[in-house]
PDB file of N, CA and C in Angstrom:
ATOM      1  N   UNK A   1      85.915-113.084  20.553  1.00  0.00           N
ATOM      2  CA  UNK A   1      86.587-113.975  21.462  1.00  0.00           C
ATOM      3  C   UNK A   1      87.848-113.277  21.969  1.00  0.00           C
ATOM      4  N   UNK A   2      88.008-113.283  23.314  1.00  0.00           N
ATOM      5  CA  UNK A   2      89.199-112.609  23.834  1.00  0.00           C
ATOM      6  C   UNK A   2      90.452-113.361  23.432  1.00  0.00           C
ATOM      7  N   UNK A   3      91.480-112.630  23.331  1.00  0.00           N
ATOM      8  CA  UNK A   3      92.740-113.289  22.934  1.00  0.00           C
ATOM      9  C   UNK A   3      93.179-114.280  24.003  1.00  0.00           C
ATOM     10  N   UNK A   4      93.730-115.371  23.577  1.00  0.00           N
ATOM     11  CA  UNK A   4      94.197-116.399  24.491  1.00  0.00           C
ATOM     12  C   UNK A   4      95.308-115.840  25.356  1.00  0.00           C
ATOM     13  N   UNK A   5      95.280-116.286  26.599  1.00  0.00           N
ATOM     14  CA  UNK A   5      96.278-115.808  27.545  1.00  0.00           C
ATOM     15  C   UNK A   5      97.637-116.363  27.138  1.00  0.00           C
ATOM     16  N   UNK A   6      98.530-115.489  27.066  1.00  0.00           N
ATOM     17  CA  UNK A   6      99.874-115.886  26.673  1.00  0.00           C
ATOM     18  C   UNK A   6     100.622-116.372  27.898  1.00  0.00           C
ATOM     19  N   UNK A   7     101.321-117.459  27.783  1.00  0.00           N
ATOM     20  CA  UNK A   7     102.129-117.914  28.905  1.00  0.00           C
ATOM     21  C   UNK A   7     103.199-116.881  29.222  1.00  0.00           C
ATOM     22  N   UNK A   8     103.536-116.753  30.518  1.00  0.00           N
ATOM     23  CA  UNK A   8     104.556-115.774  30.877  1.00  0.00           C
ATOM     24  C   UNK A   8     105.861-116.069  30.144  1.00  0.00           C
ATOM     25  N   UNK A   9     106.663-115.090  30.163  1.00  0.00           N
ATOM     26  CA  UNK A   9     107.937-115.237  29.476  1.00  0.00           C
ATOM     27  C   UNK A   9     108.627-116.492  29.962  1.00  0.00           C
ATOM     28  N   UNK A  10     109.435-117.005  29.179  1.00  0.00           N
ATOM     29  CA  UNK A  10     110.104-118.265  29.489  1.00  0.00           C
ATOM     30  C   UNK A  10     110.856-118.128  30.797  1.00  0.00           C
ATOM     31  N   UNK A  11     110.539-119.092  31.687  1.00  0.00           N
ATOM     32  CA  UNK A  11     111.190-119.121  32.986  1.00  0.00           C
ATOM     33  C   UNK A  11     111.894-120.445  33.121  1.00  0.00           C
ATOM     34  N   UNK A  12     112.690-120.464  34.103  1.00  0.00           N
ATOM     35  CA  UNK A  12     113.365-121.716  34.345  1.00  0.00           C
ATOM     36  C   UNK A  12     112.383-122.680  34.974  1.00  0.00           C
ATOM     37  N   UNK A  13     112.583-123.945  34.833  1.00  0.00           N
ATOM     38  CA  UNK A  13     111.655-124.934  35.364  1.00  0.00           C
ATOM     39  C   UNK A  13     111.634-124.912  36.886  1.00  0.00           C
ATOM     40  N   UNK A  14     112.707-124.560  37.563  1.00  0.00           N
ATOM     41  CA  UNK A  14     112.737-124.488  39.031  1.00  0.00           C
ATOM     42  C   UNK A  14     111.841-123.373  39.508  1.00  0.00           C
ATOM     43  N   UNK A  15     111.903-122.242  38.831  1.00  0.00           N
ATOM     44  CA  UNK A  15     111.060-121.105  39.192  1.00  0.00           C
ATOM     45  C   UNK A  15     109.587-121.454  38.969  1.00  0.00           C
ATOM     46  N   UNK A  16     109.260-122.146  37.907  1.00  0.00           N
ATOM     47  CA  UNK A  16     107.896-122.559  37.562  1.00  0.00           C
ATOM     48  C   UNK A  16     107.368-123.540  38.590  1.00  0.00           C
ATOM     49  N   UNK A  17     108.177-124.491  39.017  1.00  0.00           N
ATOM     50  CA  UNK A  17     107.754-125.469  40.028  1.00  0.00           C
ATOM     51  C   UNK A  17     107.477-124.786  41.353  1.00  0.00           C
ATOM     52  N   UNK A  18     108.334-123.810  41.692  1.00  0.00           N
ATOM     53  CA  UNK A  18     108.150-123.104  42.958  1.00  0.00           C
ATOM     54  C   UNK A  18     106.841-122.325  42.950  1.00  0.00           C
ATOM     55  N   UNK A  19     106.552-121.663  41.840  1.00  0.00           N
ATOM     56  CA  UNK A  19     105.294-120.921  41.745  1.00  0.00           C
ATOM     57  C   UNK A  19     104.105-121.850  41.794  1.00  0.00           C
ATOM     58  N   UNK A  20     104.135-122.968  41.166  1.00  0.00           N
ATOM     59  CA  UNK A  20     103.033-123.946  41.180  1.00  0.00           C
ATOM     60  C   UNK A  20     102.815-124.478  42.589  1.00  0.00           C
ATOM     61  N   UNK A  21     103.921-124.770  43.272  1.00  0.00           N
ATOM     62  CA  UNK A  21     103.829-125.248  44.660  1.00  0.00           C
ATOM     63  C   UNK A  21     103.221-124.177  45.542  1.00  0.00           C
ATOM     64  N   UNK A  22     103.680-122.947  45.365  1.00  0.00           N
ATOM     65  CA  UNK A  22     103.198-121.838  46.175  1.00  0.00           C
ATOM     66  C   UNK A  22     101.704-121.609  45.936  1.00  0.00           C
ATOM     67  N   UNK A  23     101.283-121.669  44.717  1.00  0.00           N
ATOM     68  CA  UNK A  23      99.869-121.479  44.386  1.00  0.00           C
ATOM     69  C   UNK A  23      99.029-122.604  44.981  1.00  0.00           C
ATOM     70  N   UNK A  24      99.478-123.811  44.814  1.00  0.00           N
ATOM     71  CA  UNK A  24      98.746-124.963  45.369  1.00  0.00           C
ATOM     72  C   UNK A  24      98.730-124.893  46.885  1.00  0.00           C
ATOM     73  N   UNK A  25      99.853-124.531  47.476  1.00  0.00           N
ATOM     74  CA  UNK A  25      99.935-124.419  48.928  1.00  0.00           C
ATOM     75  C   UNK A  25      98.978-123.339  49.429  1.00  0.00           C
ATOM     76  N   UNK A  26      98.950-122.209  48.746  1.00  0.00           N
ATOM     77  CA  UNK A  26      98.040-121.126  49.133  1.00  0.00           C
ATOM     78  C   UNK A  26      96.588-121.574  48.977  1.00  0.00           C
ATOM     79  N   UNK A  27      96.279-122.244  47.892  1.00  0.00           N
ATOM     80  CA  UNK A  27      94.925-122.746  47.650  1.00  0.00           C
ATOM     81  C   UNK A  27      94.530-123.763  48.730  1.00  0.00           C
ATOM     82  N   UNK A  28      95.465-124.619  49.081  1.00  0.00           N
ATOM     83  CA  UNK A  28      95.210-125.608  50.139  1.00  0.00           C
ATOM     84  C   UNK A  28      94.946-124.913  51.469  1.00  0.00           C
ATOM     85  N   UNK A  29      95.740-123.903  51.797  1.00  0.00           N
ATOM     86  CA  UNK A  29      95.521-123.141  53.036  1.00  0.00           C
ATOM     87  C   UNK A  29      94.153-122.457  53.027  1.00  0.00           C
ATOM     88  N   UNK A  30      93.775-121.898  51.881  1.00  0.00           N
ATOM     89  CA  UNK A  30      92.464-121.264  51.754  1.00  0.00           C
ATOM     90  C   UNK A  30      91.332-122.282  51.983  1.00  0.00           C
ATOM     91  N   UNK A  31      91.512-123.471  51.398  1.00  0.00           N
ATOM     92  CA  UNK A  31      90.510-124.527  51.573  1.00  0.00           C
ATOM     93  C   UNK A  31      90.425-124.971  53.033  1.00  0.00           C
ATOM     94  N   UNK A  32      91.567-125.057  53.703  1.00  0.00           N
ATOM     95  CA  UNK A  32      91.578-125.436  55.116  1.00  0.00           C
ATOM     96  C   UNK A  32      90.838-124.393  55.958  1.00  0.00           C
ATOM     97  N   UNK A  33      91.094-123.111  55.653  1.00  0.00           N
ATOM     98  CA  UNK A  33      90.409-122.040  56.388  1.00  0.00           C
ATOM     99  C   UNK A  33      88.902-122.098  56.137  1.00  0.00           C
ATOM    100  N   UNK A  34      88.537-122.309  54.880  1.00  0.00           N
ATOM    101  CA  UNK A  34      87.112-122.388  54.544  1.00  0.00           C
ATOM    102  C   UNK A  34      86.470-123.606  55.218  1.00  0.00           C
ATOM    103  N   UNK A  35      87.178-124.713  55.247  1.00  0.00           N
ATOM    104  CA  UNK A  35      86.685-125.925  55.897  1.00  0.00           C
ATOM    105  C   UNK A  35      86.457-125.674  57.387  1.00  0.00           C
ATOM    106  N   UNK A  36      87.425-125.034  58.027  1.00  0.00           N
ATOM    107  CA  UNK A  36      87.296-124.717  59.452  1.00  0.00           C
ATOM    108  C   UNK A  36      86.108-123.782  59.680  1.00  0.00           C
ATOM    109  N   UNK A  37      85.996-122.784  58.831  1.00  0.00           N
ATOM    110  CA  UNK A  37      84.896-121.823  58.949  1.00  0.00           C
ATOM    111  C   UNK A  37      83.547-122.537  58.800  1.00  0.00           C
ATOM    112  N   UNK A  38      83.454-123.442  57.845  1.00  0.00           N
ATOM    113  CA  UNK A  38      82.200-124.186  57.639  1.00  0.00           C
ATOM    114  C   UNK A  38      81.892-125.101  58.828  1.00  0.00           C
ATOM    115  N   UNK A  39      82.913-125.753  59.347  1.00  0.00           N
ATOM    116  CA  UNK A  39      82.703-126.607  60.519  1.00  0.00           C
ATOM    117  C   UNK A  39      82.218-125.788  61.713  1.00  0.00           C
ATOM    118  N   UNK A  40      82.812-124.620  61.896  1.00  0.00           N
ATOM    119  CA  UNK A  40      82.412-123.731  62.984  1.00  0.00           C
ATOM    120  C   UNK A  40      80.965-123.277  62.800  1.00  0.00           C
ATOM    121  N   UNK A  41      80.629-122.926  61.564  1.00  0.00           N
ATOM    122  CA  UNK A  41      79.255-122.506  61.269  1.00  0.00           C
ATOM    123  C   UNK A  41      78.265-123.641  61.547  1.00  0.00           C
ATOM    124  N   UNK A  42      78.587-124.849  61.125  1.00  0.00           N
ATOM    125  CA  UNK A  42      77.729-126.017  61.378  1.00  0.00           C
ATOM    126  C   UNK A  42      77.555-126.228  62.873  1.00  0.00           C
ATOM    127  N   UNK A  43      78.649-126.108  63.614  1.00  0.00           N
ATOM    128  CA  UNK A  43      78.586-126.291  65.061  1.00  0.00           C
ATOM    129  C   UNK A  43      77.599-125.313  65.698  1.00  0.00           C
ATOM    130  N   UNK A  44      77.732-124.025  65.338  1.00  0.00           N
ATOM    131  CA  UNK A  44      76.850-123.017  65.936  1.00  0.00           C
ATOM    132  C   UNK A  44      75.395-123.174  65.480  1.00  0.00           C
ATOM    133  N   UNK A  45      75.190-123.570  64.220  1.00  0.00           N
ATOM    134  CA  UNK A  45      73.825-123.812  63.747  1.00  0.00           C
ATOM    135  C   UNK A  45      73.188-124.988  64.490  1.00  0.00           C
ATOM    136  N   UNK A  46      73.961-126.062  64.688  1.00  0.00           N
ATOM    137  CA  UNK A  46      73.450-127.207  65.429  1.00  0.00           C
ATOM    138  C   UNK A  46      73.131-126.823  66.873  1.00  0.00           C
ATOM    139  N   UNK A  47      73.988-125.985  67.454  1.00  0.00           N
ATOM    140  CA  UNK A  47      73.754-125.536  68.826  1.00  0.00           C
ATOM    141  C   UNK A  47      72.471-124.707  68.903  1.00  0.00           C
ATOM    142  N   UNK A  48      72.274-123.832  67.933  1.00  0.00           N
ATOM    143  CA  UNK A  48      71.066-123.005  67.910  1.00  0.00           C
ATOM    144  C   UNK A  48      69.818-123.879  67.731  1.00  0.00           C
ATOM    145  N   UNK A  49      69.898-124.869  66.861  1.00  0.00           N
ATOM    146  CA  UNK A  49      68.770-125.786  66.653  1.00  0.00           C
ATOM    147  C   UNK A  49      68.467-126.536  67.944  1.00  0.00           C
ATOM    148  N   UNK A  50      69.504-127.001  68.632  1.00  0.00           N
ATOM    149  CA  UNK A  50      69.322-127.717  69.889  1.00  0.00           C
ATOM    150  C   UNK A  50      68.651-126.823  70.932  1.00  0.00           C
ATOM    151  N   UNK A  51      69.069-125.575  71.017  1.00  0.00           N
ATOM    152  CA  UNK A  51      68.458-124.642  71.973  1.00  0.00           C
ATOM    153  C   UNK A  51      66.992-124.425  71.651  1.00  0.00           C
ATOM    154  N   UNK A  52      66.671-124.246  70.375  1.00  0.00           N
ATOM    155  CA  UNK A  52      65.268-124.060  69.987  1.00  0.00           C
ATOM    156  C   UNK A  52      64.458-125.306  70.300  1.00  0.00           C
ATOM    157  N   UNK A  53      65.041-126.481  70.064  1.00  0.00           N
ATOM    158  CA  UNK A  53      64.346-127.731  70.367  1.00  0.00           C
ATOM    159  C   UNK A  53      64.088-127.834  71.866  1.00  0.00           C
ATOM    160  N   UNK A  54      65.113-127.507  72.666  1.00  0.00           N
ATOM    161  CA  UNK A  54      64.944-127.577  74.117  1.00  0.00           C
ATOM    162  C   UNK A  54      63.899-126.576  74.590  1.00  0.00           C
ATOM    163  N   UNK A  55      63.914-125.360  74.017  1.00  0.00           N
ATOM    164  CA  UNK A  55      62.923-124.355  74.394  1.00  0.00           C
ATOM    165  C   UNK A  55      61.531-124.821  74.016  1.00  0.00           C
ATOM    166  N   UNK A  56      61.404-125.385  72.814  1.00  0.00           N
ATOM    167  CA  UNK A  56      60.079-125.841  72.393  1.00  0.00           C
ATOM    168  C   UNK A  56      59.653-127.042  73.234  1.00  0.00           C
ATOM    169  N   UNK A  57      60.598-127.902  73.612  1.00  0.00           N
ATOM    170  CA  UNK A  57      60.267-129.033  74.478  1.00  0.00           C
ATOM    171  C   UNK A  57      59.805-128.539  75.845  1.00  0.00           C
ATOM    172  N   UNK A  58      60.502-127.526  76.364  1.00  0.00           N
ATOM    173  CA  UNK A  58      60.101-126.962  77.648  1.00  0.00           C
ATOM    174  C   UNK A  58      58.722-126.324  77.550  1.00  0.00           C
ATOM    175  N   UNK A  59      58.469-125.636  76.433  1.00  0.00           N
ATOM    176  CA  UNK A  59      57.161-125.022  76.236  1.00  0.00           C
ATOM    177  C   UNK A  59      56.067-126.088  76.183  1.00  0.00           C
ATOM    178  N   UNK A  60      56.342-127.169  75.487  1.00  0.00           N
ATOM    179  CA  UNK A  60      55.362-128.255  75.391  1.00  0.00           C
ATOM    180  C   UNK A  60      55.114-128.857  76.777  1.00  0.00           C
ATOM    181  N   UNK A  61      56.194-129.087  77.518  1.00  0.00           N
ATOM    182  CA  UNK A  61      56.038-129.651  78.860  1.00  0.00           C
ATOM    183  C   UNK A  61      55.273-128.696  79.773  1.00  0.00           C
ATOM    184  N   UNK A  62      55.581-127.392  79.685  1.00  0.00           N
ATOM    185  CA  UNK A  62      54.851-126.415  80.494  1.00  0.00           C
ATOM    186  C   UNK A  62      53.374-126.411  80.128  1.00  0.00           C
ATOM    187  N   UNK A  63      53.091-126.433  78.829  1.00  0.00           N
ATOM    188  CA  UNK A  63      51.708-126.427  78.365  1.00  0.00           C
ATOM    189  C   UNK A  63      50.979-127.679  78.856  1.00  0.00           C
ATOM    190  N   UNK A  64      51.633-128.829  78.764  1.00  0.00           N
ATOM    191  CA  UNK A  64      51.019-130.073  79.235  1.00  0.00           C
ATOM    192  C   UNK A  64      50.796-130.032  80.744  1.00  0.00           C
ATOM    193  N   UNK A  65      51.750-129.464  81.481  1.00  0.00           N
ATOM    194  CA  UNK A  65      51.596-129.348  82.931  1.00  0.00           C
ATOM    195  C   UNK A  65      50.422-128.431  83.269  1.00  0.00           C
ATOM    196  N   UNK A  66      50.299-127.314  82.530  1.00  0.00           N
ATOM    197  CA  UNK A  66      49.180-126.407  82.768  1.00  0.00           C
ATOM    198  C   UNK A  66      47.854-127.091  82.461  1.00  0.00           C
ATOM    199  N   UNK A  67      47.813-127.838  81.369  1.00  0.00           N
ATOM    200  CA  UNK A  67      46.588-128.561  81.013  1.00  0.00           C
ATOM    201  C   UNK A  67      46.246-129.609  82.071  1.00  0.00           C
ATOM    202  N   UNK A  68      47.261-130.326  82.530  1.00  0.00           N
ATOM    203  CA  UNK A  68      47.035-131.343  83.555  1.00  0.00           C
ATOM    204  C   UNK A  68      46.545-130.702  84.848  1.00  0.00           C
ATOM    205  N   UNK A  69      47.132-129.557  85.198  1.00  0.00           N
ATOM    206  CA  UNK A  69      46.717-128.849  86.408  1.00  0.00           C
ATOM    207  C   UNK A  69      45.260-128.392  86.273  1.00  0.00           C
ATOM    208  N   UNK A  70      44.926-127.844  85.114  1.00  0.00           N
ATOM    209  CA  UNK A  70      43.552-127.411  84.865  1.00  0.00           C
ATOM    210  C   UNK A  70      42.582-128.573  84.933  1.00  0.00           C
ATOM    211  N   UNK A  71      42.976-129.700  84.366  1.00  0.00           N
ATOM    212  CA  UNK A  71      42.128-130.894  84.397  1.00  0.00           C
ATOM    213  C   UNK A  71      41.966-131.400  85.827  1.00  0.00           C
ATOM    214  N   UNK A  72      43.034-131.355  86.602  1.00  0.00           N
ATOM    215  CA  UNK A  72      42.959-131.786  88.003  1.00  0.00           C
ATOM    216  C   UNK A  72      42.016-130.877  88.787  1.00  0.00           C
ATOM    217  N   UNK A  73      42.108-129.575  88.532  1.00  0.00           N
ATOM    218  CA  UNK A  73      41.204-128.644  89.218  1.00  0.00           C
ATOM    219  C   UNK A  73      39.760-128.902  88.817  1.00  0.00           C
ATOM    220  N   UNK A  74      39.540-129.152  87.517  1.00  0.00           N
ATOM    221  CA  UNK A  74      38.184-129.435  87.038  1.00  0.00           C
ATOM    222  C   UNK A  74      37.635-130.706  87.682  1.00  0.00           C
ATOM    223  N   UNK A  75      38.478-131.731  87.755  1.00  0.00           N
ATOM    224  CA  UNK A  75      38.059-132.994  88.360  1.00  0.00           C
ATOM    225  C   UNK A  75      37.778-132.810  89.853  1.00  0.00           C
ATOM    226  N   UNK A  76      38.607-132.033  90.534  1.00  0.00           N
ATOM    227  CA  UNK A  76      38.405-131.762  91.954  1.00  0.00           C
ATOM    228  C   UNK A  76      37.084-131.030  92.156  1.00  0.00           C
ATOM    229  N   UNK A  77      36.828-130.066  91.309  1.00  0.00           N
ATOM    230  CA  UNK A  77      35.575-129.314  91.381  1.00  0.00           C
ATOM    231  C   UNK A  77      34.393-130.241  91.137  1.00  0.00           C
ATOM    232  N   UNK A  78      34.532-131.126  90.170  1.00  0.00           N
ATOM    233  CA  UNK A  78      33.469-132.076  89.858  1.00  0.00           C
ATOM    234  C   UNK A  78      33.226-133.024  91.032  1.00  0.00           C
ATOM    235  N   UNK A  79      34.305-133.504  91.641  1.00  0.00           N
ATOM    236  CA  UNK A  79      34.171-134.392  92.799  1.00  0.00           C
ATOM    237  C   UNK A  79      33.492-133.656  93.951  1.00  0.00           C
ATOM    238  N   UNK A  80      33.909-132.403  94.185  1.00  0.00           N
ATOM    239  CA  UNK A  80      33.281-131.609  95.241  1.00  0.00           C
ATOM    240  C   UNK A  80      31.798-131.421  94.965  1.00  0.00           C
ATOM    241  N   UNK A  81      31.473-131.129  93.733  1.00  0.00           N
ATOM    242  CA  UNK A  81      30.084-130.935  93.332  1.00  0.00           C
ATOM    243  C   UNK A  81      29.281-132.216  93.536  1.00  0.00           C
ATOM    244  N   UNK A  82      29.856-133.329  93.112  1.00  0.00           N
ATOM    245  CA  UNK A  82      29.173-134.622  93.277  1.00  0.00           C
ATOM    246  C   UNK A  82      29.039-134.984  94.750  1.00  0.00           C
ATOM    247  N   UNK A  83      30.052-134.677  95.533  1.00  0.00           N
ATOM    248  CA  UNK A  83      29.978-134.954  96.975  1.00  0.00           C
ATOM    249  C   UNK A  83      28.876-134.124  97.616  1.00  0.00           C
ATOM    250  N   UNK A  84      28.779-132.872  97.231  1.00  0.00           N
ATOM    251  CA  UNK A  84      27.728-132.004  97.763  1.00  0.00           C
ATOM    252  C   UNK A  84      26.360-132.526  97.341  1.00  0.00           C
ATOM    253  N   UNK A  85      26.246-132.935  96.096  1.00  0.00           N
ATOM    254  CA  UNK A  85      24.977-133.488  95.599  1.00  0.00           C
ATOM    255  C   UNK A  85      24.604-134.747  96.388  1.00  0.00           C
ATOM    256  N   UNK A  86      25.598-135.581  96.645  1.00  0.00           N
ATOM    257  CA  UNK A  86      25.342-136.808  97.420  1.00  0.00           C
ATOM    258  C   UNK A  86      24.881-136.461  98.829  1.00  0.00           C
ATOM    259  N   UNK A  87      25.534-135.490  99.458  1.00  0.00           N
ATOM    260  CA  UNK A  87      25.115-135.078 100.805  1.00  0.00           C
ATOM    261  C   UNK A  87      23.689-134.546 100.794  1.00  0.00           C
ATOM    262  N   UNK A  88      23.350-133.763  99.773  1.00  0.00           N
ATOM    263  CA  UNK A  88      21.980-133.254  99.650  1.00  0.00           C
ATOM    264  C   UNK A  88      20.984-134.402  99.519  1.00  0.00           C
ATOM    265  N   UNK A  89      21.341-135.398  98.699  1.00  0.00           N
ATOM    266  CA  UNK A  89      20.456-136.558  98.527  1.00  0.00           C
ATOM    267  C   UNK A  89      20.321-137.351  99.821  1.00  0.00           C
ATOM    268  N   UNK A  90      21.425-137.505 100.547  1.00  0.00           N
ATOM    269  CA  UNK A  90      21.365-138.230 101.819  1.00  0.00           C
ATOM    270  C   UNK A  90      20.478-137.490 102.824  1.00  0.00           C
ATOM    271  N   UNK A  91      20.592-136.149 102.863  1.00  0.00           N
ATOM    272  CA  UNK A  91      19.718-135.365 103.755  1.00  0.00           C
ATOM    273  C   UNK A  91      18.263-135.531 103.360  1.00  0.00           C
ATOM    274  N   UNK A  92      18.003-135.440 102.050  1.00  0.00           N
ATOM    275  CA  UNK A  92      16.630-135.602 101.566  1.00  0.00           C
ATOM    276  C   UNK A  92      16.105-136.994 101.905  1.00  0.00           C
ATOM    277  N   UNK A  93      16.950-138.009 101.763  1.00  0.00           N
ATOM    278  CA  UNK A  93      16.551-139.372 102.110  1.00  0.00           C
ATOM    279  C   UNK A  93      16.230-139.474 103.595  1.00  0.00           C
ATOM    280  N   UNK A  94      17.049-138.845 104.433  1.00  0.00           N
ATOM    281  CA  UNK A  94      16.801-138.888 105.878  1.00  0.00           C
ATOM    282  C   UNK A  94      15.466-138.221 106.202  1.00  0.00           C
ATOM    283  N   UNK A  95      15.181-137.086 105.563  1.00  0.00           N
ATOM    284  CA  UNK A  95      13.907-136.393 105.797  1.00  0.00           C
ATOM    285  C   UNK A  95      12.746-137.277 105.348  1.00  0.00           C
ATOM    286  N   UNK A  96      12.842-137.858 104.169  1.00  0.00           N
ATOM    287  CA  UNK A  96      11.769-138.721 103.637  1.00  0.00           C
ATOM    288  C   UNK A  96      11.586-139.959 104.518  1.00  0.00           C
ATOM    289  N   UNK A  97      12.701-140.505 104.992  1.00  0.00           N
ATOM    290  CA  UNK A  97      12.606-141.685 105.874  1.00  0.00           C
ATOM    291  C   UNK A  97      11.865-141.319 107.153  1.00  0.00           C
ATOM    292  N   UNK A  98      12.193-140.170 107.712  1.00  0.00           N
ATOM    293  CA  UNK A  98      11.527-139.718 108.944  1.00  0.00           C
ATOM    294  C   UNK A  98      10.036-139.484 108.676  1.00  0.00           C
ATOM    295  N   UNK A  99       9.725-138.893 107.535  1.00  0.00           N
ATOM    296  CA  UNK A  99       8.323-138.678 107.184  1.00  0.00           C
ATOM    297  C   UNK A  99       7.592-140.009 107.068  1.00  0.00           C
ATOM    298  N   UNK A 100       8.240-140.990 106.441  1.00  0.00           N
ATOM    299  CA  UNK A 100       7.622-142.320 106.311  1.00  0.00           C
ATOM    300  C   UNK A 100       7.408-142.953 107.681  1.00  0.00           C
ATOM    301  N   UNK A 101       8.351-142.827 108.577  1.00  0.00           N
ATOM    302  CA  UNK A 101       8.213-143.389 109.927  1.00  0.00           C
ATOM    303  C   UNK A 101       7.025-142.742 110.643  1.00  0.00           C
ATOM    304  N   UNK A 102       6.960-141.406 110.543  1.00  0.00           N
ATOM    305  CA  UNK A 102       5.853-140.712 111.184  1.00  0.00           C
ATOM    306  C   UNK A 102       4.522-141.146 110.590  1.00  0.00           C
ATOM    307  N   UNK A 103       4.480-141.296 109.260  1.00  0.00           N
ATOM    308  CA  UNK A 103       3.257-141.732 108.597  1.00  0.00           C
ATOM    309  C   UNK A 103       2.874-143.143 109.040  1.00  0.00           C
ATOM    310  N   UNK A 104       3.874-144.018 109.098  1.00  0.00           N
ATOM    311  CA  UNK A 104       3.603-145.391 109.557  1.00  0.00           C
ATOM    312  C   UNK A 104       3.136-145.389 111.007  1.00  0.00           C
ATOM    313  N   UNK A 105       3.740-144.544 111.814  1.00  0.00           N
ATOM    314  CA  UNK A 105       3.352-144.451 113.212  1.00  0.00           C
ATOM    315  C   UNK A 105       1.911-143.961 113.317  1.00  0.00           C
ATOM    316  N   UNK A 106       1.572-142.926 112.533  1.00  0.00           N
ATOM    317  CA  UNK A 106       0.204-142.427 112.548  1.00  0.00           C
ATOM    318  C   UNK A 106      -0.767-143.477 112.038  1.00  0.00           C
ATOM    319  N   UNK A 107      -0.327-144.195 110.974  1.00  0.00           N
ATOM    320  CA  UNK A 107      -1.199-145.259 110.447  1.00  0.00           C
ATOM    321  C   UNK A 107      -1.394-146.345 111.487  1.00  0.00           C
ATOM    322  N   UNK A 108      -0.323-146.668 112.172  1.00  0.00           N
ATOM    323  CA  UNK A 108      -0.410-147.685 113.227  1.00  0.00           C
ATOM    324  C   UNK A 108      -1.326-147.218 114.346  1.00  0.00           C
ATOM    325  N   UNK A 109      -1.179-145.960 114.707  1.00  0.00           N
ATOM    326  CA  UNK A 109      -2.032-145.409 115.755  1.00  0.00           C
ATOM    327  C   UNK A 109      -3.486-145.374 115.290  1.00  0.00           C
ATOM    328  N   UNK A 110      -3.666-144.986 114.009  1.00  0.00           N
ATOM    329  CA  UNK A 110      -5.022-144.944 113.464  1.00  0.00           C
ATOM    330  C   UNK A 110      -5.612-146.343 113.423  1.00  0.00           C
ATOM    331  N   UNK A 111      -4.796-147.311 113.017  1.00  0.00           N
ATOM    332  CA  UNK A 111      -5.282-148.699 112.966  1.00  0.00           C
ATOM    333  C   UNK A 111      -5.641-149.169 114.362  1.00  0.00           C
ATOM    334  N   UNK A 112      -4.819-148.794 115.326  1.00  0.00           N
ATOM    335  CA  UNK A 112      -5.095-149.186 116.712  1.00  0.00           C
ATOM    336  C   UNK A 112      -6.388-148.526 117.187  1.00  0.00           C
ATOM    337  N   UNK A 113      -6.566-147.259 116.833  1.00  0.00           N
ATOM    338  CA  UNK A 113      -7.802-146.568 117.201  1.00  0.00           C
ATOM    339  C   UNK A 113      -8.999-147.258 116.560  1.00  0.00           C
ATOM    340  N   UNK A 114      -8.815-147.612 115.265  1.00  0.00           N
ATOM    341  CA  UNK A 114      -9.918-148.284 114.569  1.00  0.00           C
ATOM    342  C   UNK A 114     -10.240-149.617 115.228  1.00  0.00           C
ATOM    343  N   UNK A 115      -9.221-150.356 115.640  1.00  0.00           N
ATOM    344  CA  UNK A 115      -9.458-151.638 116.320  1.00  0.00           C
ATOM    345  C   UNK A 115     -10.162-151.394 117.651  1.00  0.00           C
ATOM    346  N   UNK A 116      -9.737-150.344 118.361  1.00  0.00           N
ATOM    347  CA  UNK A 116     -10.361-150.024 119.642  1.00  0.00           C
ATOM    348  C   UNK A 116     -11.823-149.643 119.436  1.00  0.00           C
ATOM    349  N   UNK A 117     -12.058-148.840 118.421  1.00  0.00           N
ATOM    350  CA  UNK A 117     -13.429-148.443 118.138  1.00  0.00           C
ATOM    351  C   UNK A 117     -14.281-149.656 117.792  1.00  0.00           C
ATOM    352  N   UNK A 118     -13.711-150.533 116.960  1.00  0.00           N
ATOM    353  CA  UNK A 118     -14.433-151.748 116.581  1.00  0.00           C
ATOM    354  C   UNK A 118     -14.743-152.590 117.810  1.00  0.00           C
ATOM    355  N   UNK A 119     -13.746-152.755 118.630  1.00  0.00           N
ATOM    356  CA  UNK A 119     -13.927-153.556 119.839  1.00  0.00           C
ATOM    357  C   UNK A 119     -14.951-152.894 120.749  1.00  0.00           C
ATOM    358  N   UNK A 120     -14.837-151.594 120.862  1.00  0.00           N
ATOM    359  CA  UNK A 120     -15.761-150.850 121.692  1.00  0.00           C
ATOM    360  C   UNK A 120     -17.183-150.970 121.141  1.00  0.00           C
ATOM    361  N   UNK A 121     -17.295-150.871 119.824  1.00  0.00           N
ATOM    362  CA  UNK A 121     -18.623-150.985 119.241  1.00  0.00           C
ATOM    363  C   UNK A 121     -19.152-152.401 119.386  1.00  0.00           C
ATOM    364  N   UNK A 122     -18.311-153.415 119.310  1.00  0.00           N
ATOM    365  CA  UNK A 122     -18.759-154.805 119.524  1.00  0.00           C
ATOM    366  C   UNK A 122     -19.202-154.989 120.975  1.00  0.00           C
ATOM    367  N   UNK A 123     -18.394-154.428 121.868  1.00  0.00           N
ATOM    368  CA  UNK A 123     -18.748-154.556 123.289  1.00  0.00           C
ATOM    369  C   UNK A 123     -20.066-153.821 123.566  1.00  0.00           C
ATOM    370  N   UNK A 124     -20.240-152.701 122.914  1.00  0.00           N
ATOM    371  CA  UNK A 124     -21.466-151.940 123.093  1.00  0.00           C
ATOM    372  C   UNK A 124     -22.641-152.703 122.525  1.00  0.00           C
ATOM    373  N   UNK A 125     -22.458-153.330 121.397  1.00  0.00           N
ATOM    374  CA  UNK A 125     -23.528-154.109 120.785  1.00  0.00           C
ATOM    375  C   UNK A 125     -23.837-155.312 121.664  1.00  0.00           C
ATOM    376  N   UNK A 126     -22.914-155.906 122.283  1.00  0.00           N
ATOM    377  CA  UNK A 126     -23.138-157.064 123.160  1.00  0.00           C
ATOM    378  C   UNK A 126     -23.914-156.632 124.395  1.00  0.00           C
ATOM    379  N   UNK A 127     -23.577-155.474 124.842  1.00  0.00           N
ATOM    380  CA  UNK A 127     -24.242-155.010 126.059  1.00  0.00           C
ATOM    381  C   UNK A 127     -25.701-154.672 125.742  1.00  0.00           C
ATOM    382  N   UNK A 128     -25.963-154.324 124.644  1.00  0.00           N
ATOM    383  CA  UNK A 128     -27.341-153.934 124.329  1.00  0.00           C
ATOM    384  C   UNK A 128     -28.130-155.155 124.075  1.00  0.00           C
TER     385      UNK A 128
END
């Protein structure tokens, strides 16, 4: 065990009080400096965290904007594709409708021919 620290030689009480005050005052000043340093450090750390948060928020917003833009382009492409498909179907319908009209017209003409032939054959049979 180390020897106990011996108190300094006997001093006057005024000198002892002054040294105690000086030591406490110095310690208080050191604590104030450390407190200021810690507050400054906290301030800069909070600022750095805020900057990172803002950067990450901007990155998230940019990413969402890019995704939305991509989705809009995909939807536009899909609409264009569907519009083209609809136009193709409408053209095909127009062609089929025209074919049906022609077929009906031919059927009508054929029916008329058949009626004429029938009438002609009846008239021929009557004449005979």
